[in-house]
Amino acid sequence: MLDVLVLGRDGRAHALTWKLFNSSQIQRVFCTPGNGGTVQIAPRVFDLDPTNATAIGRWVFTEQIDIIIPADSTPLYSGLTDELVSLSGGVFGPPRAAAALDQSACLAKDFLLRHNLPTPRGRPFNRLDIAEKYLASLAMPVLLRSDTPFTDERTYHDRYEALTGLRELFDASTAAGGRGVVVEEYMTGVRVAFSGFCDGQTVLSLLPARVYDHIKGSNGETFAPAMGAHTGISVYYQRLKEYLHQHVLVPVSQALAKDNLPYWASWGSIAS
């Protein structure tokens, strides 16, 4: 029987807490900061900041929590796994160096390009003048991403509006300590989220999910993350899973290993 702490405040935290609460292998579930859904099924730890790895480590050690499950990468990027590496508790997630790929659009784009992994035509930029020249060379529409957590993403069909948006995103990214902006071609079609479990060598894929995170309007599309998603068990989903596993997740896990970026869930001391 395990005691678990879930870190998060959105729907992912609720889904994880609900699933763990209904597991026969779980003894206690805590959540912080939680939301209206999690407080109905799990105690909330009010005095814990998900980004304070030291405080979380101290609390977990005192309460003898077996494993921490972050609902997003923010606690991991704050050094949660690195902090708890020598303690008896476990963390379901990689160390800070690997978690940075999920927090930085520029680092992620550079990683995909260096390893020739599937990605739209585009580049990360840490200089506005070079980004403007590159944007001028792309056909419309274009997609711009700010290099910040919970990335601001914008689609533009007009080149002059895109240049204005590029400057706004670049300024916002710089002010927030980001590395710049990603400029890339806009890809049409259905958006799919695809996840898996990885121990550093083997990847176990989950079913792909149709994601709804854009609202169409008169000026194009507005990024609206976490609106909703759904999946299924049809033959189509199974075949899509097999294709994405072979052509996306396996090459990504191999690239992570090549860059010496461990991507696994640590249990106890990962040095052992």
C-alpha atoms as a PDB file:
ATOM      1  CA  MET A   1       0.000   0.000   0.000  1.00  0.00           C
ATOM      2  CA  LEU A   2       1.390   3.352  -1.052  1.00  0.00           C
ATOM      3  CA  ASP A   3       1.006   6.929   0.145  1.00  0.00           C
ATOM      4  CA  VAL A   4       0.992   9.434  -2.723  1.00  0.00           C
ATOM      5  CA  LEU A   5       1.254  13.211  -3.101  1.00  0.00           C
ATOM      6  CA  VAL A   6      -0.161  14.729  -6.320  1.00  0.00           C
ATOM      7  CA  LEU A   7       1.158  18.151  -7.334  1.00  0.00           C
ATOM      8  CA  GLY A   8      -1.073  20.284  -9.549  1.00  0.00           C
ATOM      9  CA  ARG A   9      -4.101  22.495  -9.836  1.00  0.00           C
ATOM     10  CA  ASP A  10      -5.780  21.686 -13.176  1.00  0.00           C
ATOM     11  CA  GLY A  11      -7.835  18.868 -14.647  1.00  0.00           C
ATOM     12  CA  ARG A  12      -4.826  16.579 -14.868  1.00  0.00           C
ATOM     13  CA  ALA A  13      -4.369  16.774 -11.104  1.00  0.00           C
ATOM     14  CA  HIS A  14      -8.050  15.935 -10.636  1.00  0.00           C
ATOM     15  CA  ALA A  15      -7.875  12.953 -13.008  1.00  0.00           C
ATOM     16  CA  LEU A  16      -4.738  11.572 -11.339  1.00  0.00           C
ATOM     17  CA  THR A  17      -6.124  12.065  -7.834  1.00  0.00           C
ATOM     18  CA  TRP A  18      -9.426  10.390  -8.745  1.00  0.00           C
ATOM     19  CA  LYS A  19      -7.692   7.398 -10.358  1.00  0.00           C
ATOM     20  CA  LEU A  20      -5.280   6.948  -7.452  1.00  0.00           C
ATOM     21  CA  PHE A  21      -8.095   7.303  -4.923  1.00  0.00           C
ATOM     22  CA  ASN A  22      -9.888   4.391  -6.583  1.00  0.00           C
ATOM     23  CA  SER A  23      -6.828   2.126  -6.691  1.00  0.00           C
ATOM     24  CA  SER A  24      -6.584  -0.821  -4.316  1.00  0.00           C
ATOM     25  CA  GLN A  25      -2.798  -0.301  -4.184  1.00  0.00           C
ATOM     26  CA  ILE A  26      -3.066   3.194  -2.680  1.00  0.00           C
ATOM     27  CA  GLN A  27      -3.466   3.834   1.036  1.00  0.00           C
ATOM     28  CA  ARG A  28      -3.497   7.650   1.207  1.00  0.00           C
ATOM     29  CA  VAL A  29      -3.652  10.405  -1.433  1.00  0.00           C
ATOM     30  CA  PHE A  30      -2.799  14.056  -0.816  1.00  0.00           C
ATOM     31  CA  CYS A  31      -2.945  16.919  -3.299  1.00  0.00           C
ATOM     32  CA  THR A  32      -1.511  20.437  -3.473  1.00  0.00           C
ATOM     33  CA  PRO A  33      -2.574  23.040  -4.377  1.00  0.00           C
ATOM     34  CA  GLY A  34      -5.475  21.083  -5.843  1.00  0.00           C
ATOM     35  CA  ASN A  35      -8.814  22.403  -7.100  1.00  0.00           C
ATOM     36  CA  GLY A  36     -12.530  22.079  -6.504  1.00  0.00           C
ATOM     37  CA  GLY A  37     -12.521  18.509  -7.760  1.00  0.00           C
ATOM     38  CA  THR A  38      -9.547  17.186  -5.824  1.00  0.00           C
ATOM     39  CA  VAL A  39     -10.680  18.548  -2.439  1.00  0.00           C
ATOM     40  CA  GLN A  40     -13.731  16.293  -2.598  1.00  0.00           C
ATOM     41  CA  ILE A  41     -11.660  13.112  -2.672  1.00  0.00           C
ATOM     42  CA  ALA A  42      -8.217  13.916  -1.182  1.00  0.00           C
ATOM     43  CA  PRO A  43      -6.868  16.120   1.633  1.00  0.00           C
ATOM     44  CA  ARG A  44      -5.191  19.315   0.482  1.00  0.00           C
ATOM     45  CA  VAL A  45      -1.766  20.231   1.846  1.00  0.00           C
ATOM     46  CA  PHE A  46      -2.223  23.983   2.248  1.00  0.00           C
ATOM     47  CA  ASP A  47       1.303  25.013   3.211  1.00  0.00           C
ATOM     48  CA  LEU A  48       3.166  23.376   0.302  1.00  0.00           C
ATOM     49  CA  ASP A  49       4.342  25.294  -2.761  1.00  0.00           C
ATOM     50  CA  PRO A  50       4.682  22.903  -5.764  1.00  0.00           C
ATOM     51  CA  THR A  51       7.737  24.874  -6.932  1.00  0.00           C
ATOM     52  CA  ASN A  52       9.542  24.680  -3.564  1.00  0.00           C
ATOM     53  CA  ALA A  53      11.419  21.398  -3.925  1.00  0.00           C
ATOM     54  CA  THR A  54      13.134  21.715  -0.538  1.00  0.00           C
ATOM     55  CA  ALA A  55       9.871  22.202   1.376  1.00  0.00           C
ATOM     56  CA  ILE A  56       8.205  19.342  -0.483  1.00  0.00           C
ATOM     57  CA  GLY A  57      11.137  17.044   0.231  1.00  0.00           C
ATOM     58  CA  ARG A  58      11.011  17.894   3.925  1.00  0.00           C
ATOM     59  CA  TRP A  59       7.251  17.293   4.134  1.00  0.00           C
ATOM     60  CA  VAL A  60       7.420  14.020   2.187  1.00  0.00           C
ATOM     61  CA  PHE A  61      10.218  12.744   4.412  1.00  0.00           C
ATOM     62  CA  THR A  62       8.257  13.658   7.586  1.00  0.00           C
ATOM     63  CA  GLU A  63       4.985  12.154   6.374  1.00  0.00           C
ATOM     64  CA  GLN A  64       6.727   9.107   4.858  1.00  0.00           C
ATOM     65  CA  ILE A  65       5.136   9.584   1.443  1.00  0.00           C
ATOM     66  CA  ASP A  66       6.147   6.845  -0.982  1.00  0.00           C
ATOM     67  CA  ILE A  67       5.875   8.701  -4.271  1.00  0.00           C
ATOM     68  CA  ILE A  68       5.175  12.189  -5.658  1.00  0.00           C
ATOM     69  CA  ILE A  69       3.260  12.491  -8.921  1.00  0.00           C
ATOM     70  CA  PRO A  70       3.411  15.930 -10.596  1.00  0.00           C
ATOM     71  CA  ALA A  71       0.473  16.717 -12.887  1.00  0.00           C
ATOM     72  CA  ASP A  72       2.729  18.970 -14.996  1.00  0.00           C
ATOM     73  CA  SER A  73       6.438  19.625 -15.407  1.00  0.00           C
ATOM     74  CA  THR A  74       6.678  22.814 -13.316  1.00  0.00           C
ATOM     75  CA  PRO A  75       7.708  21.075 -10.037  1.00  0.00           C
ATOM     76  CA  LEU A  76      10.192  18.940 -11.978  1.00  0.00           C
ATOM     77  CA  TYR A  77      11.732  22.012 -13.594  1.00  0.00           C
ATOM     78  CA  SER A  78      12.038  23.486 -10.098  1.00  0.00           C
ATOM     79  CA  GLY A  79      14.368  20.603  -9.221  1.00  0.00           C
ATOM     80  CA  LEU A  80      11.999  18.245  -7.402  1.00  0.00           C
ATOM     81  CA  THR A  81      13.630  15.022  -8.596  1.00  0.00           C
ATOM     82  CA  ASP A  82      17.122  16.425  -8.064  1.00  0.00           C
ATOM     83  CA  GLU A  83      16.204  17.417  -4.505  1.00  0.00           C
ATOM     84  CA  LEU A  84      14.764  14.018  -3.581  1.00  0.00           C
ATOM     85  CA  VAL A  85      17.350  11.874  -5.328  1.00  0.00           C
ATOM     86  CA  SER A  86      18.965  10.803  -2.046  1.00  0.00           C
ATOM     87  CA  LEU A  87      15.768  10.430  -0.006  1.00  0.00           C
ATOM     88  CA  SER A  88      13.600   7.381   0.394  1.00  0.00           C
ATOM     89  CA  GLY A  89      10.616   8.858  -1.444  1.00  0.00           C
ATOM     90  CA  GLY A  90      10.021   8.492  -5.162  1.00  0.00           C
ATOM     91  CA  VAL A  91       9.197  11.023  -7.876  1.00  0.00           C
ATOM     92  CA  PHE A  92       7.288  10.178 -11.022  1.00  0.00           C
ATOM     93  CA  GLY A  93       9.271  12.353 -13.374  1.00  0.00           C
ATOM     94  CA  PRO A  94      12.745  13.234 -14.664  1.00  0.00           C
ATOM     95  CA  PRO A  95      15.376  15.620 -13.264  1.00  0.00           C
ATOM     96  CA  ARG A  96      15.449  19.324 -14.061  1.00  0.00           C
ATOM     97  CA  ALA A  97      17.693  19.089 -17.127  1.00  0.00           C
ATOM     98  CA  ALA A  98      15.249  16.832 -18.958  1.00  0.00           C
ATOM     99  CA  ALA A  99      12.126  18.612 -17.679  1.00  0.00           C
ATOM    100  CA  ALA A 100      13.455  21.822 -19.254  1.00  0.00           C
ATOM    101  CA  LEU A 101      12.377  20.503 -22.660  1.00  0.00           C
ATOM    102  CA  ASP A 102       8.759  20.709 -21.560  1.00  0.00           C
ATOM    103  CA  GLN A 103       9.207  24.191 -20.086  1.00  0.00           C
ATOM    104  CA  SER A 104      11.061  25.799 -23.002  1.00  0.00           C
ATOM    105  CA  ALA A 105       9.679  25.963 -26.531  1.00  0.00           C
ATOM    106  CA  CYS A 106      13.101  27.043 -27.827  1.00  0.00           C
ATOM    107  CA  LEU A 107      14.979  24.165 -26.177  1.00  0.00           C
ATOM    108  CA  ALA A 108      12.373  21.684 -27.411  1.00  0.00           C
ATOM    109  CA  LYS A 109      12.530  22.990 -30.994  1.00  0.00           C
ATOM    110  CA  ASP A 110      16.324  22.899 -30.993  1.00  0.00           C
ATOM    111  CA  PHE A 111      16.242  19.336 -29.626  1.00  0.00           C
ATOM    112  CA  LEU A 112      13.852  18.186 -32.389  1.00  0.00           C
ATOM    113  CA  LEU A 113      15.887  19.840 -35.136  1.00  0.00           C
ATOM    114  CA  ARG A 114      19.257  18.514 -33.929  1.00  0.00           C
ATOM    115  CA  HIS A 115      17.980  14.946 -33.894  1.00  0.00           C
ATOM    116  CA  ASN A 116      15.975  15.177 -37.151  1.00  0.00           C
ATOM    117  CA  LEU A 117      12.765  14.369 -35.315  1.00  0.00           C
ATOM    118  CA  PRO A 118       9.308  15.149 -36.776  1.00  0.00           C
ATOM    119  CA  THR A 119       8.596  18.867 -36.415  1.00  0.00           C
ATOM    120  CA  PRO A 120       7.189  21.637 -38.638  1.00  0.00           C
ATOM    121  CA  ARG A 121       9.627  23.782 -40.581  1.00  0.00           C
ATOM    122  CA  GLY A 122      10.850  26.477 -38.220  1.00  0.00           C
ATOM    123  CA  ARG A 123      13.546  27.621 -35.795  1.00  0.00           C
ATOM    124  CA  PRO A 124      14.047  29.051 -32.317  1.00  0.00           C
ATOM    125  CA  PHE A 125      15.434  32.584 -32.106  1.00  0.00           C
ATOM    126  CA  ASN A 126      17.089  34.542 -29.320  1.00  0.00           C
ATOM    127  CA  ARG A 127      17.544  37.637 -31.511  1.00  0.00           C
ATOM    128  CA  LEU A 128      14.553  39.614 -32.718  1.00  0.00           C
ATOM    129  CA  ASP A 129      16.183  40.977 -35.892  1.00  0.00           C
ATOM    130  CA  ILE A 130      17.067  37.498 -37.168  1.00  0.00           C
ATOM    131  CA  ALA A 131      13.608  36.187 -36.250  1.00  0.00           C
ATOM    132  CA  GLU A 132      12.010  38.998 -38.293  1.00  0.00           C
ATOM    133  CA  LYS A 133      14.082  38.109 -41.354  1.00  0.00           C
ATOM    134  CA  TYR A 134      13.199  34.436 -41.024  1.00  0.00           C
ATOM    135  CA  LEU A 135       9.505  35.249 -40.613  1.00  0.00           C
ATOM    136  CA  ALA A 136       9.635  37.265 -43.835  1.00  0.00           C
ATOM    137  CA  SER A 137      10.819  34.147 -45.686  1.00  0.00           C
ATOM    138  CA  LEU A 138       7.931  31.920 -44.573  1.00  0.00           C
ATOM    139  CA  ALA A 139       4.614  31.590 -46.362  1.00  0.00           C
ATOM    140  CA  MET A 140       1.498  32.529 -44.424  1.00  0.00           C
ATOM    141  CA  PRO A 141       0.006  31.399 -42.114  1.00  0.00           C
ATOM    142  CA  VAL A 142       2.691  31.103 -39.441  1.00  0.00           C
ATOM    143  CA  LEU A 143       2.753  29.939 -35.833  1.00  0.00           C
ATOM    144  CA  LEU A 144       4.663  31.822 -33.123  1.00  0.00           C
ATOM    145  CA  ARG A 145       5.508  30.416 -29.688  1.00  0.00           C
ATOM    146  CA  SER A 146       6.921  32.315 -26.740  1.00  0.00           C
ATOM    147  CA  ASP A 147       9.681  30.543 -24.824  1.00  0.00           C
ATOM    148  CA  THR A 148       7.931  30.450 -21.476  1.00  0.00           C
ATOM    149  CA  PRO A 149       6.105  27.860 -19.389  1.00  0.00           C
ATOM    150  CA  PHE A 150       2.458  27.550 -20.471  1.00  0.00           C
ATOM    151  CA  THR A 151       3.648  28.931 -23.812  1.00  0.00           C
ATOM    152  CA  ASP A 152       1.718  31.731 -25.457  1.00  0.00           C
ATOM    153  CA  GLU A 153       1.000  30.477 -28.971  1.00  0.00           C
ATOM    154  CA  ARG A 154      -0.386  32.594 -31.792  1.00  0.00           C
ATOM    155  CA  THR A 155      -1.376  31.943 -35.407  1.00  0.00           C
ATOM    156  CA  TYR A 156      -1.175  34.703 -38.005  1.00  0.00           C
ATOM    157  CA  HIS A 157      -2.476  34.911 -41.582  1.00  0.00           C
ATOM    158  CA  ASP A 158      -1.256  38.458 -42.236  1.00  0.00           C
ATOM    159  CA  ARG A 159       2.472  39.127 -42.422  1.00  0.00           C
ATOM    160  CA  TYR A 160       2.369  42.599 -40.876  1.00  0.00           C
ATOM    161  CA  GLU A 161       0.244  41.366 -37.979  1.00  0.00           C
ATOM    162  CA  ALA A 162       2.680  38.478 -37.566  1.00  0.00           C
ATOM    163  CA  LEU A 163       5.637  40.867 -37.313  1.00  0.00           C
ATOM    164  CA  THR A 164       3.814  42.903 -34.661  1.00  0.00           C
ATOM    165  CA  GLY A 165       2.931  39.726 -32.767  1.00  0.00           C
ATOM    166  CA  LEU A 166       6.524  38.507 -33.019  1.00  0.00           C
ATOM    167  CA  ARG A 167       7.799  41.672 -31.323  1.00  0.00           C
ATOM    168  CA  GLU A 168       5.156  41.406 -28.585  1.00  0.00           C
ATOM    169  CA  LEU A 169       5.957  37.759 -27.875  1.00  0.00           C
ATOM    170  CA  PHE A 170       9.693  38.395 -27.939  1.00  0.00           C
ATOM    171  CA  ASP A 171       9.380  41.239 -25.440  1.00  0.00           C
ATOM    172  CA  ALA A 172       7.112  39.140 -23.200  1.00  0.00           C
ATOM    173  CA  SER A 173       9.492  36.174 -23.356  1.00  0.00           C
ATOM    174  CA  THR A 174      12.508  38.320 -22.521  1.00  0.00           C
ATOM    175  CA  ALA A 175      10.683  39.968 -19.621  1.00  0.00           C
ATOM    176  CA  ALA A 176       9.800  36.531 -18.225  1.00  0.00           C
ATOM    177  CA  GLY A 177      13.377  35.272 -18.495  1.00  0.00           C
ATOM    178  CA  GLY A 178      12.734  33.191 -21.614  1.00  0.00           C
ATOM    179  CA  ARG A 179      15.163  32.404 -24.414  1.00  0.00           C
ATOM    180  CA  GLY A 180      13.203  34.035 -27.234  1.00  0.00           C
ATOM    181  CA  VAL A 181      10.553  32.878 -29.693  1.00  0.00           C
ATOM    182  CA  VAL A 182       9.935  29.907 -31.983  1.00  0.00           C
ATOM    183  CA  VAL A 183       8.839  30.772 -35.527  1.00  0.00           C
ATOM    184  CA  GLU A 184       7.442  27.938 -37.617  1.00  0.00           C
ATOM    185  CA  GLU A 185       5.029  27.108 -40.387  1.00  0.00           C
ATOM    186  CA  TYR A 186       1.407  26.515 -39.434  1.00  0.00           C
ATOM    187  CA  MET A 187       0.297  22.899 -39.680  1.00  0.00           C
ATOM    188  CA  THR A 188      -3.331  22.182 -40.489  1.00  0.00           C
ATOM    189  CA  GLY A 189      -5.279  19.178 -39.267  1.00  0.00           C
ATOM    190  CA  VAL A 190      -6.407  17.541 -36.054  1.00  0.00           C
ATOM    191  CA  ARG A 191      -4.335  18.132 -32.920  1.00  0.00           C
ATOM    192  CA  VAL A 192      -3.332  15.012 -31.018  1.00  0.00           C
ATOM    193  CA  ALA A 193      -1.638  14.587 -27.659  1.00  0.00           C
ATOM    194  CA  PHE A 194       0.460  11.448 -27.313  1.00  0.00           C
ATOM    195  CA  SER A 195       2.112  10.310 -24.093  1.00  0.00           C
ATOM    196  CA  GLY A 196       3.968   7.332 -22.716  1.00  0.00           C
ATOM    197  CA  PHE A 197       5.909   5.936 -19.795  1.00  0.00           C
ATOM    198  CA  CYS A 198       9.681   5.668 -20.106  1.00  0.00           C
ATOM    199  CA  ASP A 199      12.343   4.127 -17.876  1.00  0.00           C
ATOM    200  CA  GLY A 200      15.203   5.538 -19.937  1.00  0.00           C
ATOM    201  CA  GLN A 201      15.253   2.594 -22.334  1.00  0.00           C
ATOM    202  CA  THR A 202      11.777   1.152 -22.846  1.00  0.00           C
ATOM    203  CA  VAL A 203       8.730   3.220 -23.820  1.00  0.00           C
ATOM    204  CA  LEU A 204       5.165   2.186 -23.041  1.00  0.00           C
ATOM    205  CA  SER A 205       2.716   4.257 -25.076  1.00  0.00           C
ATOM    206  CA  LEU A 206      -0.733   5.390 -24.003  1.00  0.00           C
ATOM    207  CA  LEU A 207      -3.618   5.936 -26.386  1.00  0.00           C
ATOM    208  CA  PRO A 208      -3.486   9.196 -28.385  1.00  0.00           C
ATOM    209  CA  ALA A 209      -6.046  11.842 -27.480  1.00  0.00           C
ATOM    210  CA  ARG A 210      -7.793  14.398 -29.687  1.00  0.00           C
ATOM    211  CA  VAL A 211      -7.013  17.807 -28.175  1.00  0.00           C
ATOM    212  CA  TYR A 212      -9.151  20.915 -28.323  1.00  0.00           C
ATOM    213  CA  ASP A 213      -6.971  23.916 -27.525  1.00  0.00           C
ATOM    214  CA  HIS A 214      -7.778  26.508 -30.189  1.00  0.00           C
ATOM    215  CA  ILE A 215     -10.811  28.714 -30.781  1.00  0.00           C
ATOM    216  CA  LYS A 216     -11.487  29.753 -34.363  1.00  0.00           C
ATOM    217  CA  GLY A 217     -12.401  33.376 -34.934  1.00  0.00           C
ATOM    218  CA  SER A 218     -12.507  36.000 -37.683  1.00  0.00           C
ATOM    219  CA  ASN A 219      -8.773  36.692 -37.251  1.00  0.00           C
ATOM    220  CA  GLY A 220      -7.662  33.075 -37.233  1.00  0.00           C
ATOM    221  CA  GLU A 221      -7.214  30.876 -34.192  1.00  0.00           C
ATOM    222  CA  THR A 222      -6.687  31.783 -30.557  1.00  0.00           C
ATOM    223  CA  PHE A 223      -4.701  29.478 -28.295  1.00  0.00           C
ATOM    224  CA  ALA A 224      -6.955  28.241 -25.483  1.00  0.00           C
ATOM    225  CA  PRO A 225      -5.183  25.387 -23.653  1.00  0.00           C
ATOM    226  CA  ALA A 226      -7.020  22.795 -21.568  1.00  0.00           C
ATOM    227  CA  MET A 227     -10.418  23.260 -23.204  1.00  0.00           C
ATOM    228  CA  GLY A 228     -10.840  19.525 -23.545  1.00  0.00           C
ATOM    229  CA  ALA A 229      -9.703  16.212 -24.993  1.00  0.00           C
ATOM    230  CA  HIS A 230     -11.006  12.731 -25.694  1.00  0.00           C
ATOM    231  CA  THR A 231      -9.726   9.341 -26.786  1.00  0.00           C
ATOM    232  CA  GLY A 232     -11.141   5.946 -27.703  1.00  0.00           C
ATOM    233  CA  ILE A 233     -10.327   2.262 -28.152  1.00  0.00           C
ATOM    234  CA  SER A 234     -11.305   1.894 -31.816  1.00  0.00           C
ATOM    235  CA  VAL A 235      -9.063   0.261 -34.422  1.00  0.00           C
ATOM    236  CA  TYR A 236      -8.183   3.752 -35.671  1.00  0.00           C
ATOM    237  CA  TYR A 237      -6.837   4.830 -32.278  1.00  0.00           C
ATOM    238  CA  GLN A 238      -4.898   1.589 -31.911  1.00  0.00           C
ATOM    239  CA  ARG A 239      -3.246   1.973 -35.321  1.00  0.00           C
ATOM    240  CA  LEU A 240      -2.492   5.636 -34.678  1.00  0.00           C
ATOM    241  CA  LYS A 241      -0.912   4.663 -31.373  1.00  0.00           C
ATOM    242  CA  GLU A 242       1.326   2.081 -33.063  1.00  0.00           C
ATOM    243  CA  TYR A 243       2.411   4.575 -35.729  1.00  0.00           C
ATOM    244  CA  LEU A 244       3.193   7.380 -33.283  1.00  0.00           C
ATOM    245  CA  HIS A 245       4.992   4.972 -30.960  1.00  0.00           C
ATOM    246  CA  GLN A 246       7.332   3.844 -33.719  1.00  0.00           C
ATOM    247  CA  HIS A 247       7.867   7.202 -35.442  1.00  0.00           C
ATOM    248  CA  VAL A 248       7.754   9.624 -32.497  1.00  0.00           C
ATOM    249  CA  LEU A 249       8.163   8.214 -28.978  1.00  0.00           C
ATOM    250  CA  VAL A 250      10.888   5.663 -29.696  1.00  0.00           C
ATOM    251  CA  PRO A 251      13.079   8.140 -31.653  1.00  0.00           C
ATOM    252  CA  VAL A 252      12.521  10.802 -28.972  1.00  0.00           C
ATOM    253  CA  SER A 253      13.559   8.424 -26.167  1.00  0.00           C
ATOM    254  CA  GLN A 254      16.663   7.454 -28.145  1.00  0.00           C
ATOM    255  CA  ALA A 255      17.530  11.123 -28.680  1.00  0.00           C
ATOM    256  CA  LEU A 256      17.113  11.837 -24.968  1.00  0.00           C
ATOM    257  CA  ALA A 257      19.503   9.016 -24.140  1.00  0.00           C
ATOM    258  CA  LYS A 258      21.979  10.290 -26.721  1.00  0.00           C
ATOM    259  CA  ASP A 259      21.918  13.743 -25.093  1.00  0.00           C
ATOM    260  CA  ASN A 260      22.325  12.154 -21.654  1.00  0.00           C
ATOM    261  CA  LEU A 261      18.947  13.493 -20.566  1.00  0.00           C
ATOM    262  CA  PRO A 262      17.409  10.782 -18.361  1.00  0.00           C
ATOM    263  CA  TYR A 263      13.643  10.606 -18.673  1.00  0.00           C
ATOM    264  CA  TRP A 264      12.245   8.221 -16.099  1.00  0.00           C
ATOM    265  CA  ALA A 265      10.434   8.048 -12.794  1.00  0.00           C
ATOM    266  CA  SER A 266      12.909   7.862  -9.924  1.00  0.00           C
ATOM    267  CA  TRP A 267      12.168   5.552  -7.042  1.00  0.00           C
ATOM    268  CA  GLY A 268      14.160   6.015  -3.911  1.00  0.00           C
ATOM    269  CA  SER A 269      17.795   6.811  -4.592  1.00  0.00           C
ATOM    270  CA  ILE A 270      18.444   6.770  -8.315  1.00  0.00           C
ATOM    271  CA  ALA A 271      22.154   6.480  -7.582  1.00  0.00           C
ATOM    272  CA  SER A 272      21.654   2.914  -6.345  1.00  0.00           C
END
